[in-house]
C-alpha cells in the first residue's frame, strides 16, 4: 500500500514539474525570439526565426534609438509617473474611507470595485474612445492618464483597504488621545506605513503603463495630435515591428530591439522599487 502511495506521489511530482517546465518555456520563448530577432535583419528573421543569429548586428538598436526615441520615452515616463501619483493618492484616501468610515452601502460599493478587477481592459476600448471623443480628449495625455488610473484604482483600493484594516485600532485611538486630528493621523502615522503597499502599486502601475499597447493605440489616435505627440514606447514597438498606415518603417529587428530596450527599462524600474520595499521593511 505504501509503495502504491509512493508511486502516486512521484507521478504527481513529475506532473507538476512538467507543467512548470511548460509554463517556463512559454515565458522564455517570446523573450528568446525578441532578443535573437533584435540581432537579425528582417530577411534573416523571416527565413529562420528560431535559429541563433549567424552574423549578429546592432543595426536594429541603432535604428530604434533614433531621434524619436527621447520623445517616446518622455511620453511613457510622463504618463507613468502621473498615473502612479494619482493612483496612490486617490487609492489611499478612498481606502481610508472604506476601512475606517462607517456609511451605508460601504461593503456593497467595495464589492463592486473588486468585481471591476476581472473586467478585461480590451472590452472598454469602444466606450472609452466614445467618451474621449465626446470630451475632445482623443490624442491627449489626460485621457491616457485617466484611463490608466481608472484601471489601477480597483486593485489599489482593495489592497490598501485590507492594509488599513490590519492596523490596530489602538494605534489610531492613541493618536487621537494625544490630540491628533484625523488628517494628521493619516498623513503622519498611517501614510508612512503604506510604503510596502505603495511600492507594489507603483511597480504594477509602472509595468502596466509601459506595456499597454491597445489603449494608447486607440485613445491616442492613429498618429497623435500633433503627429506623434502621445506616442509611447509600447505603441512604437508595435508600429516598428508590424507596420501600420502611419508607421515609419516595418522591421521586426528594429521592433525587437525596441522591445529589449523597453524590457530593460521596466526591469530596472521594478528592481529599484523592490529594493526600496525591502529596505523599508528592514527599517521597520
C-alpha atoms as a PDB file:
ATOM      1  CA  UNK A   1       0.000   0.000   0.000  1.00  0.00           C
ATOM      2  CA  UNK A   2       2.815   2.392   0.870  1.00  0.00           C
ATOM      3  CA  UNK A   3       4.568   1.610  -2.411  1.00  0.00           C
ATOM      4  CA  UNK A   4       1.382   2.477  -4.271  1.00  0.00           C
ATOM      5  CA  UNK A   5       1.134   5.817  -2.478  1.00  0.00           C
ATOM      6  CA  UNK A   6       4.806   6.478  -3.191  1.00  0.00           C
ATOM      7  CA  UNK A   7       4.281   5.834  -6.898  1.00  0.00           C
ATOM      8  CA  UNK A   8       1.267   8.155  -6.952  1.00  0.00           C
ATOM      9  CA  UNK A   9       3.211  10.884  -5.149  1.00  0.00           C
ATOM     10  CA  UNK A  10       6.136  10.539  -7.582  1.00  0.00           C
ATOM     11  CA  UNK A  11       3.759  10.717 -10.527  1.00  0.00           C
ATOM     12  CA  UNK A  12       2.160  13.839  -9.056  1.00  0.00           C
ATOM     13  CA  UNK A  13       5.545  15.492  -8.517  1.00  0.00           C
ATOM     14  CA  UNK A  14       6.596  14.625 -12.072  1.00  0.00           C
ATOM     15  CA  UNK A  15       3.365  16.025 -13.492  1.00  0.00           C
ATOM     16  CA  UNK A  16       3.789  19.281 -11.547  1.00  0.00           C
ATOM     17  CA  UNK A  17       7.383  19.599 -12.727  1.00  0.00           C
ATOM     18  CA  UNK A  18       6.355  19.053 -16.347  1.00  0.00           C
ATOM     19  CA  UNK A  19       3.649  21.705 -16.015  1.00  0.00           C
ATOM     20  CA  UNK A  20       6.149  24.153 -14.500  1.00  0.00           C
ATOM     21  CA  UNK A  21       8.644  23.416 -17.280  1.00  0.00           C
ATOM     22  CA  UNK A  22       5.940  24.028 -19.892  1.00  0.00           C
ATOM     23  CA  UNK A  23       4.920  27.331 -18.273  1.00  0.00           C
ATOM     24  CA  UNK A  24       8.575  28.390 -18.027  1.00  0.00           C
ATOM     25  CA  UNK A  25       9.128  27.566 -21.699  1.00  0.00           C
ATOM     26  CA  UNK A  26       6.058  29.589 -22.671  1.00  0.00           C
ATOM     27  CA  UNK A  27       7.537  32.569 -20.819  1.00  0.00           C
ATOM     28  CA  UNK A  28      11.086  32.148 -22.173  1.00  0.00           C
ATOM     29  CA  UNK A  29      10.311  31.516 -25.860  1.00  0.00           C
ATOM     30  CA  UNK A  30       8.922  35.026 -26.605  1.00  0.00           C
ATOM     31  CA  UNK A  31      11.929  36.543 -24.879  1.00  0.00           C
ATOM     32  CA  UNK A  32      14.295  34.352 -26.898  1.00  0.00           C
ATOM     33  CA  UNK A  33      12.644  35.367 -30.172  1.00  0.00           C
ATOM     34  CA  UNK A  34      12.760  39.031 -29.185  1.00  0.00           C
ATOM     35  CA  UNK A  35      16.448  39.016 -28.209  1.00  0.00           C
ATOM     36  CA  UNK A  36      17.635  36.954 -31.183  1.00  0.00           C
ATOM     37  CA  UNK A  37      15.355  38.891 -33.540  1.00  0.00           C
ATOM     38  CA  UNK A  38      16.923  42.153 -32.405  1.00  0.00           C
ATOM     39  CA  UNK A  39      20.282  40.881 -33.688  1.00  0.00           C
ATOM     40  CA  UNK A  40      18.952  39.779 -37.082  1.00  0.00           C
ATOM     41  CA  UNK A  41      17.892  41.501 -40.240  1.00  0.00           C
ATOM     42  CA  UNK A  42      14.276  41.351 -41.372  1.00  0.00           C
ATOM     43  CA  UNK A  43      15.072  38.793 -44.053  1.00  0.00           C
ATOM     44  CA  UNK A  44      17.131  36.605 -41.751  1.00  0.00           C
ATOM     45  CA  UNK A  45      14.417  36.561 -39.106  1.00  0.00           C
ATOM     46  CA  UNK A  46      11.670  35.630 -41.571  1.00  0.00           C
ATOM     47  CA  UNK A  47      13.793  32.830 -43.067  1.00  0.00           C
ATOM     48  CA  UNK A  48      14.874  31.279 -39.753  1.00  0.00           C
ATOM     49  CA  UNK A  49      13.112  32.835 -36.745  1.00  0.00           C
ATOM     50  CA  UNK A  50      14.199  30.073 -34.315  1.00  0.00           C
ATOM     51  CA  UNK A  51      17.889  29.957 -35.146  1.00  0.00           C
ATOM     52  CA  UNK A  52      20.608  31.934 -33.439  1.00  0.00           C
ATOM     53  CA  UNK A  53      21.843  34.972 -35.403  1.00  0.00           C
ATOM     54  CA  UNK A  54      24.671  33.854 -37.722  1.00  0.00           C
ATOM     55  CA  UNK A  55      26.017  37.397 -38.127  1.00  0.00           C
ATOM     56  CA  UNK A  56      24.818  39.405 -35.120  1.00  0.00           C
ATOM     57  CA  UNK A  57      24.396  43.091 -35.801  1.00  0.00           C
ATOM     58  CA  UNK A  58      23.168  46.020 -33.758  1.00  0.00           C
ATOM     59  CA  UNK A  59      21.566  47.940 -36.599  1.00  0.00           C
ATOM     60  CA  UNK A  60      18.155  47.329 -35.034  1.00  0.00           C
ATOM     61  CA  UNK A  61      19.245  49.030 -31.818  1.00  0.00           C
ATOM     62  CA  UNK A  62      20.753  51.994 -33.647  1.00  0.00           C
ATOM     63  CA  UNK A  63      17.561  52.342 -35.704  1.00  0.00           C
ATOM     64  CA  UNK A  64      15.325  52.032 -32.618  1.00  0.00           C
ATOM     65  CA  UNK A  65      17.458  54.554 -30.753  1.00  0.00           C
ATOM     66  CA  UNK A  66      16.708  57.296 -33.259  1.00  0.00           C
ATOM     67  CA  UNK A  67      15.821  60.929 -32.841  1.00  0.00           C
ATOM     68  CA  UNK A  68      12.228  59.987 -31.934  1.00  0.00           C
ATOM     69  CA  UNK A  69      13.185  57.696 -29.049  1.00  0.00           C
ATOM     70  CA  UNK A  70      13.556  60.533 -26.492  1.00  0.00           C
ATOM     71  CA  UNK A  71      10.014  61.652 -27.337  1.00  0.00           C
ATOM     72  CA  UNK A  72       8.584  58.140 -26.931  1.00  0.00           C
ATOM     73  CA  UNK A  73      10.469  57.642 -23.687  1.00  0.00           C
ATOM     74  CA  UNK A  74       9.453  61.052 -22.331  1.00  0.00           C
ATOM     75  CA  UNK A  75       5.798  60.399 -23.165  1.00  0.00           C
ATOM     76  CA  UNK A  76       5.832  56.991 -21.478  1.00  0.00           C
ATOM     77  CA  UNK A  77       7.629  58.329 -18.415  1.00  0.00           C
ATOM     78  CA  UNK A  78       5.327  61.352 -18.121  1.00  0.00           C
ATOM     79  CA  UNK A  79       2.149  59.275 -18.345  1.00  0.00           C
ATOM     80  CA  UNK A  80       3.527  56.616 -15.996  1.00  0.00           C
ATOM     81  CA  UNK A  81       4.653  58.987 -13.243  1.00  0.00           C
ATOM     82  CA  UNK A  82       1.396  60.944 -13.202  1.00  0.00           C
ATOM     83  CA  UNK A  83      -0.657  57.726 -13.303  1.00  0.00           C
ATOM     84  CA  UNK A  84       1.317  56.354 -10.347  1.00  0.00           C
ATOM     85  CA  UNK A  85       0.941  59.602  -8.373  1.00  0.00           C
ATOM     86  CA  UNK A  86      -2.804  59.957  -8.920  1.00  0.00           C
ATOM     87  CA  UNK A  87      -3.420  56.250  -8.298  1.00  0.00           C
ATOM     88  CA  UNK A  88      -1.604  56.254  -4.947  1.00  0.00           C
ATOM     89  CA  UNK A  89      -3.240  59.454  -3.669  1.00  0.00           C
ATOM     90  CA  UNK A  90      -6.772  58.513  -4.745  1.00  0.00           C
ATOM     91  CA  UNK A  91      -6.467  54.871  -3.664  1.00  0.00           C
ATOM     92  CA  UNK A  92      -5.061  55.779  -0.240  1.00  0.00           C
ATOM     93  CA  UNK A  93      -7.795  58.298   0.549  1.00  0.00           C
ATOM     94  CA  UNK A  94     -10.560  56.013  -0.742  1.00  0.00           C
ATOM     95  CA  UNK A  95      -9.180  53.003   1.135  1.00  0.00           C
ATOM     96  CA  UNK A  96      -9.088  55.046   4.338  1.00  0.00           C
ATOM     97  CA  UNK A  97     -12.773  55.805   3.914  1.00  0.00           C
ATOM     98  CA  UNK A  98     -13.641  52.164   3.231  1.00  0.00           C
ATOM     99  CA  UNK A  99     -11.625  50.921   6.209  1.00  0.00           C
ATOM    100  CA  UNK A 100     -12.488  53.421   8.947  1.00  0.00           C
ATOM    101  CA  UNK A 101     -15.613  55.318   7.967  1.00  0.00           C
ATOM    102  CA  UNK A 102     -18.976  53.694   8.552  1.00  0.00           C
ATOM    103  CA  UNK A 103     -21.515  54.621   5.907  1.00  0.00           C
ATOM    104  CA  UNK A 104     -24.447  52.878   4.276  1.00  0.00           C
ATOM    105  CA  UNK A 105     -23.552  50.669   1.326  1.00  0.00           C
ATOM    106  CA  UNK A 106     -19.826  50.681   2.084  1.00  0.00           C
ATOM    107  CA  UNK A 107     -19.314  46.955   1.617  1.00  0.00           C
ATOM    108  CA  UNK A 108     -21.522  46.931  -1.493  1.00  0.00           C
ATOM    109  CA  UNK A 109     -19.507  49.660  -3.161  1.00  0.00           C
ATOM    110  CA  UNK A 110     -16.251  47.918  -2.216  1.00  0.00           C
ATOM    111  CA  UNK A 111     -17.577  44.672  -3.678  1.00  0.00           C
ATOM    112  CA  UNK A 112     -18.440  46.429  -6.942  1.00  0.00           C
ATOM    113  CA  UNK A 113     -14.916  47.877  -7.087  1.00  0.00           C
ATOM    114  CA  UNK A 114     -13.400  44.442  -6.526  1.00  0.00           C
ATOM    115  CA  UNK A 115     -15.590  42.957  -9.271  1.00  0.00           C
ATOM    116  CA  UNK A 116     -14.186  45.540 -11.712  1.00  0.00           C
ATOM    117  CA  UNK A 117     -10.782  43.856 -11.369  1.00  0.00           C
ATOM    118  CA  UNK A 118     -11.969  40.957 -13.545  1.00  0.00           C
ATOM    119  CA  UNK A 119     -13.113  43.178 -16.436  1.00  0.00           C
ATOM    120  CA  UNK A 120     -10.607  42.942 -19.334  1.00  0.00           C
ATOM    121  CA  UNK A 121      -9.441  46.400 -20.442  1.00  0.00           C
ATOM    122  CA  UNK A 122      -9.978  45.453 -24.104  1.00  0.00           C
ATOM    123  CA  UNK A 123     -13.774  45.407 -23.677  1.00  0.00           C
ATOM    124  CA  UNK A 124     -13.611  49.045 -22.558  1.00  0.00           C
ATOM    125  CA  UNK A 125     -11.882  50.328 -25.683  1.00  0.00           C
ATOM    126  CA  UNK A 126     -15.017  51.394 -27.590  1.00  0.00           C
ATOM    127  CA  UNK A 127     -16.749  53.054 -24.586  1.00  0.00           C
ATOM    128  CA  UNK A 128     -13.518  54.828 -23.632  1.00  0.00           C
ATOM    129  CA  UNK A 129     -12.954  56.026 -27.185  1.00  0.00           C
ATOM    130  CA  UNK A 130     -16.532  57.296 -27.365  1.00  0.00           C
ATOM    131  CA  UNK A 131     -16.113  59.105 -24.048  1.00  0.00           C
ATOM    132  CA  UNK A 132     -12.806  60.605 -25.135  1.00  0.00           C
ATOM    133  CA  UNK A 133     -14.275  61.760 -28.437  1.00  0.00           C
ATOM    134  CA  UNK A 134     -17.189  63.488 -26.696  1.00  0.00           C
ATOM    135  CA  UNK A 135     -14.815  65.214 -24.285  1.00  0.00           C
ATOM    136  CA  UNK A 136     -12.411  66.131 -27.070  1.00  0.00           C
ATOM    137  CA  UNK A 137      -9.617  64.256 -25.269  1.00  0.00           C
ATOM    138  CA  UNK A 138      -8.569  61.845 -28.006  1.00  0.00           C
ATOM    139  CA  UNK A 139      -4.818  62.034 -28.624  1.00  0.00           C
ATOM    140  CA  UNK A 140      -4.208  63.765 -25.295  1.00  0.00           C
ATOM    141  CA  UNK A 141      -2.188  62.763 -22.264  1.00  0.00           C
ATOM    142  CA  UNK A 142      -5.029  63.490 -19.861  1.00  0.00           C
ATOM    143  CA  UNK A 143      -7.158  60.777 -21.454  1.00  0.00           C
ATOM    144  CA  UNK A 144      -4.346  58.227 -21.245  1.00  0.00           C
ATOM    145  CA  UNK A 145      -3.644  59.122 -17.612  1.00  0.00           C
ATOM    146  CA  UNK A 146      -7.350  58.995 -16.753  1.00  0.00           C
ATOM    147  CA  UNK A 147      -7.678  55.508 -18.244  1.00  0.00           C
ATOM    148  CA  UNK A 148      -4.521  54.173 -16.576  1.00  0.00           C
ATOM    149  CA  UNK A 149      -5.620  55.482 -13.183  1.00  0.00           C
ATOM    150  CA  UNK A 150      -9.108  54.075 -13.616  1.00  0.00           C
ATOM    151  CA  UNK A 151      -7.773  50.637 -14.480  1.00  0.00           C
ATOM    152  CA  UNK A 152      -5.419  50.510 -11.498  1.00  0.00           C
ATOM    153  CA  UNK A 153      -7.729  52.005  -8.867  1.00  0.00           C
ATOM    154  CA  UNK A 154      -9.881  48.919  -8.060  1.00  0.00           C
ATOM    155  CA  UNK A 155      -6.898  46.730  -7.182  1.00  0.00           C
ATOM    156  CA  UNK A 156      -5.105  49.576  -5.390  1.00  0.00           C
ATOM    157  CA  UNK A 157      -8.140  50.425  -3.251  1.00  0.00           C
ATOM    158  CA  UNK A 158      -8.676  46.754  -2.414  1.00  0.00           C
ATOM    159  CA  UNK A 159      -5.035  46.304  -1.400  1.00  0.00           C
ATOM    160  CA  UNK A 160      -4.838  49.443   0.742  1.00  0.00           C
ATOM    161  CA  UNK A 161      -8.228  48.832   2.360  1.00  0.00           C
ATOM    162  CA  UNK A 162      -7.017  45.491   3.673  1.00  0.00           C
ATOM    163  CA  UNK A 163      -3.824  47.165   4.861  1.00  0.00           C
ATOM    164  CA  UNK A 164      -5.712  49.855   6.781  1.00  0.00           C
ATOM    165  CA  UNK A 165      -7.993  47.271   8.361  1.00  0.00           C
ATOM    166  CA  UNK A 166      -4.946  45.334   9.589  1.00  0.00           C
ATOM    167  CA  UNK A 167      -3.634  48.336  11.542  1.00  0.00           C
ATOM    168  CA  UNK A 168      -4.518  48.052  15.251  1.00  0.00           C
ATOM    169  CA  UNK A 169      -7.327  50.379  16.258  1.00  0.00           C
ATOM    170  CA  UNK A 170      -5.390  51.116  19.465  1.00  0.00           C
ATOM    171  CA  UNK A 171      -2.727  52.907  17.411  1.00  0.00           C
ATOM    172  CA  UNK A 172      -5.303  55.293  15.963  1.00  0.00           C
ATOM    173  CA  UNK A 173      -7.036  55.783  19.308  1.00  0.00           C
ATOM    174  CA  UNK A 174      -3.721  56.580  20.994  1.00  0.00           C
ATOM    175  CA  UNK A 175      -3.039  59.251  18.387  1.00  0.00           C
ATOM    176  CA  UNK A 176      -6.491  60.761  18.954  1.00  0.00           C
ATOM    177  CA  UNK A 177      -5.908  60.836  22.703  1.00  0.00           C
ATOM    178  CA  UNK A 178      -2.681  62.740  22.084  1.00  0.00           C
ATOM    179  CA  UNK A 179      -4.704  65.358  20.218  1.00  0.00           C
ATOM    180  CA  UNK A 180      -4.026  64.341  16.611  1.00  0.00           C
ATOM    181  CA  UNK A 181      -6.790  65.048  14.153  1.00  0.00           C
ATOM    182  CA  UNK A 182      -7.891  62.513  11.565  1.00  0.00           C
ATOM    183  CA  UNK A 183      -5.973  64.193   8.768  1.00  0.00           C
ATOM    184  CA  UNK A 184      -2.812  64.260  10.882  1.00  0.00           C
ATOM    185  CA  UNK A 185      -3.219  60.576  11.758  1.00  0.00           C
ATOM    186  CA  UNK A 186      -3.485  59.716   8.100  1.00  0.00           C
ATOM    187  CA  UNK A 187      -0.559  61.871   6.932  1.00  0.00           C
ATOM    188  CA  UNK A 188       1.928  61.424   9.771  1.00  0.00           C
ATOM    189  CA  UNK A 189       1.220  57.928  11.099  1.00  0.00           C
ATOM    190  CA  UNK A 190      -0.560  55.775   8.543  1.00  0.00           C
ATOM    191  CA  UNK A 191       0.756  57.133   5.257  1.00  0.00           C
ATOM    192  CA  UNK A 192       4.421  56.361   6.123  1.00  0.00           C
ATOM    193  CA  UNK A 193       3.378  52.798   6.962  1.00  0.00           C
ATOM    194  CA  UNK A 194       1.960  52.414   3.453  1.00  0.00           C
ATOM    195  CA  UNK A 195       5.417  52.163   1.869  1.00  0.00           C
ATOM    196  CA  UNK A 196       5.328  48.382   1.100  1.00  0.00           C
ATOM    197  CA  UNK A 197       1.816  48.538  -0.363  1.00  0.00           C
ATOM    198  CA  UNK A 198       2.529  51.744  -2.275  1.00  0.00           C
ATOM    199  CA  UNK A 199       5.677  50.177  -3.710  1.00  0.00           C
ATOM    200  CA  UNK A 200       3.648  47.232  -5.027  1.00  0.00           C
ATOM    201  CA  UNK A 201       1.112  49.596  -6.589  1.00  0.00           C
ATOM    202  CA  UNK A 202       3.903  51.716  -8.077  1.00  0.00           C
ATOM    203  CA  UNK A 203       5.611  48.692  -9.641  1.00  0.00           C
ATOM    204  CA  UNK A 204       2.393  47.286 -11.127  1.00  0.00           C
ATOM    205  CA  UNK A 205       1.276  50.674 -12.451  1.00  0.00           C
ATOM    206  CA  UNK A 206       4.735  51.336 -13.864  1.00  0.00           C
ATOM    207  CA  UNK A 207       4.833  47.995 -15.671  1.00  0.00           C
ATOM    208  CA  UNK A 208       1.263  48.303 -16.930  1.00  0.00           C
ATOM    209  CA  UNK A 209       1.685  51.836 -18.224  1.00  0.00           C
ATOM    210  CA  UNK A 210       4.819  50.874 -20.153  1.00  0.00           C
ATOM    211  CA  UNK A 211       3.414  47.629 -21.574  1.00  0.00           C
ATOM    212  CA  UNK A 212      -0.127  48.640 -22.557  1.00  0.00           C
ATOM    213  CA  UNK A 213      -0.419  48.877 -26.308  1.00  0.00           C
ATOM    214  CA  UNK A 214      -4.089  48.725 -27.229  1.00  0.00           C
ATOM    215  CA  UNK A 215      -5.147  51.643 -25.039  1.00  0.00           C
ATOM    216  CA  UNK A 216      -2.606  54.176 -26.377  1.00  0.00           C
ATOM    217  CA  UNK A 217      -3.245  52.916 -29.908  1.00  0.00           C
ATOM    218  CA  UNK A 218      -6.990  53.552 -29.762  1.00  0.00           C
ATOM    219  CA  UNK A 219      -7.152  56.518 -27.407  1.00  0.00           C
ATOM    220  CA  UNK A 220      -4.045  58.161 -28.833  1.00  0.00           C
ATOM    221  CA  UNK A 221      -5.453  58.102 -32.336  1.00  0.00           C
ATOM    222  CA  UNK A 222      -3.504  56.958 -35.377  1.00  0.00           C
ATOM    223  CA  UNK A 223      -0.713  59.475 -35.355  1.00  0.00           C
ATOM    224  CA  UNK A 224      -1.397  61.651 -32.338  1.00  0.00           C
ATOM    225  CA  UNK A 225      -2.286  65.318 -32.355  1.00  0.00           C
ATOM    226  CA  UNK A 226       0.001  66.883 -33.314  1.00  0.00           C
ATOM    227  CA  UNK A 227       1.608  63.983 -35.109  1.00  0.00           C
ATOM    228  CA  UNK A 228       3.136  61.502 -32.668  1.00  0.00           C
ATOM    229  CA  UNK A 229       2.721  63.766 -29.621  1.00  0.00           C
ATOM    230  CA  UNK A 230       1.192  60.986 -27.482  1.00  0.00           C
ATOM    231  CA  UNK A 231       3.128  58.027 -28.897  1.00  0.00           C
ATOM    232  CA  UNK A 232       4.521  55.698 -26.215  1.00  0.00           C
ATOM    233  CA  UNK A 233       7.267  53.095 -26.354  1.00  0.00           C
ATOM    234  CA  UNK A 234       4.847  50.151 -26.421  1.00  0.00           C
ATOM    235  CA  UNK A 235       2.892  51.728 -29.288  1.00  0.00           C
ATOM    236  CA  UNK A 236       6.017  52.354 -31.344  1.00  0.00           C
ATOM    237  CA  UNK A 237       7.186  48.804 -30.641  1.00  0.00           C
ATOM    238  CA  UNK A 238       4.116  47.556 -32.498  1.00  0.00           C
ATOM    239  CA  UNK A 239       4.420  50.047 -35.339  1.00  0.00           C
ATOM    240  CA  UNK A 240       8.096  49.398 -35.947  1.00  0.00           C
ATOM    241  CA  UNK A 241       7.629  45.614 -35.814  1.00  0.00           C
ATOM    242  CA  UNK A 242       4.463  45.087 -37.822  1.00  0.00           C
ATOM    243  CA  UNK A 243       3.862  48.396 -39.537  1.00  0.00           C
ATOM    244  CA  UNK A 244       0.690  50.395 -39.943  1.00  0.00           C
ATOM    245  CA  UNK A 245      -0.670  53.171 -42.084  1.00  0.00           C
ATOM    246  CA  UNK A 246       1.286  55.741 -40.118  1.00  0.00           C
ATOM    247  CA  UNK A 247       4.465  53.773 -39.356  1.00  0.00           C
ATOM    248  CA  UNK A 248       7.844  54.993 -40.447  1.00  0.00           C
ATOM    249  CA  UNK A 249       9.140  51.508 -41.163  1.00  0.00           C
ATOM    250  CA  UNK A 250       8.266  47.860 -40.858  1.00  0.00           C
ATOM    251  CA  UNK A 251      11.215  45.926 -39.482  1.00  0.00           C
ATOM    252  CA  UNK A 252      10.933  43.103 -36.959  1.00  0.00           C
ATOM    253  CA  UNK A 253      14.576  43.529 -35.995  1.00  0.00           C
ATOM    254  CA  UNK A 254      14.077  47.187 -35.102  1.00  0.00           C
ATOM    255  CA  UNK A 255      10.873  46.422 -33.219  1.00  0.00           C
ATOM    256  CA  UNK A 256      12.556  43.586 -31.327  1.00  0.00           C
ATOM    257  CA  UNK A 257      15.420  45.876 -30.371  1.00  0.00           C
ATOM    258  CA  UNK A 258      12.951  48.422 -29.040  1.00  0.00           C
ATOM    259  CA  UNK A 259      11.213  45.605 -27.155  1.00  0.00           C
ATOM    260  CA  UNK A 260      14.508  44.679 -25.475  1.00  0.00           C
ATOM    261  CA  UNK A 261      15.041  48.318 -24.504  1.00  0.00           C
ATOM    262  CA  UNK A 262      11.534  48.502 -23.014  1.00  0.00           C
ATOM    263  CA  UNK A 263      12.146  45.270 -21.098  1.00  0.00           C
ATOM    264  CA  UNK A 264      15.350  46.693 -19.622  1.00  0.00           C
ATOM    265  CA  UNK A 265      13.606  49.927 -18.596  1.00  0.00           C
ATOM    266  CA  UNK A 266      10.724  48.074 -16.948  1.00  0.00           C
ATOM    267  CA  UNK A 267      13.103  45.605 -15.301  1.00  0.00           C
ATOM    268  CA  UNK A 268      15.246  48.383 -13.850  1.00  0.00           C
ATOM    269  CA  UNK A 269      12.171  50.231 -12.588  1.00  0.00           C
ATOM    270  CA  UNK A 270      10.727  47.099 -10.973  1.00  0.00           C
ATOM    271  CA  UNK A 271      14.105  46.226  -9.459  1.00  0.00           C
ATOM    272  CA  UNK A 272      14.536  49.678  -7.928  1.00  0.00           C
ATOM    273  CA  UNK A 273      11.019  49.517  -6.490  1.00  0.00           C
ATOM    274  CA  UNK A 274      11.579  46.052  -4.996  1.00  0.00           C
ATOM    275  CA  UNK A 275      14.872  47.174  -3.465  1.00  0.00           C
ATOM    276  CA  UNK A 276      13.215  50.196  -1.873  1.00  0.00           C
ATOM    277  CA  UNK A 277      10.447  47.994  -0.478  1.00  0.00           C
ATOM    278  CA  UNK A 278      12.956  45.581   1.096  1.00  0.00           C
ATOM    279  CA  UNK A 279      14.889  48.461   2.646  1.00  0.00           C
ATOM    280  CA  UNK A 280      11.704  49.883   4.095  1.00  0.00           C
ATOM    281  CA  UNK A 281      10.762  46.529   5.607  1.00  0.00           C
ATOM    282  CA  UNK A 282      14.222  46.223   7.207  1.00  0.00           C
ATOM    283  CA  UNK A 283      13.977  49.727   8.672  1.00  0.00           C
ATOM    284  CA  UNK A 284      10.604  48.905  10.197  1.00  0.00           C
END
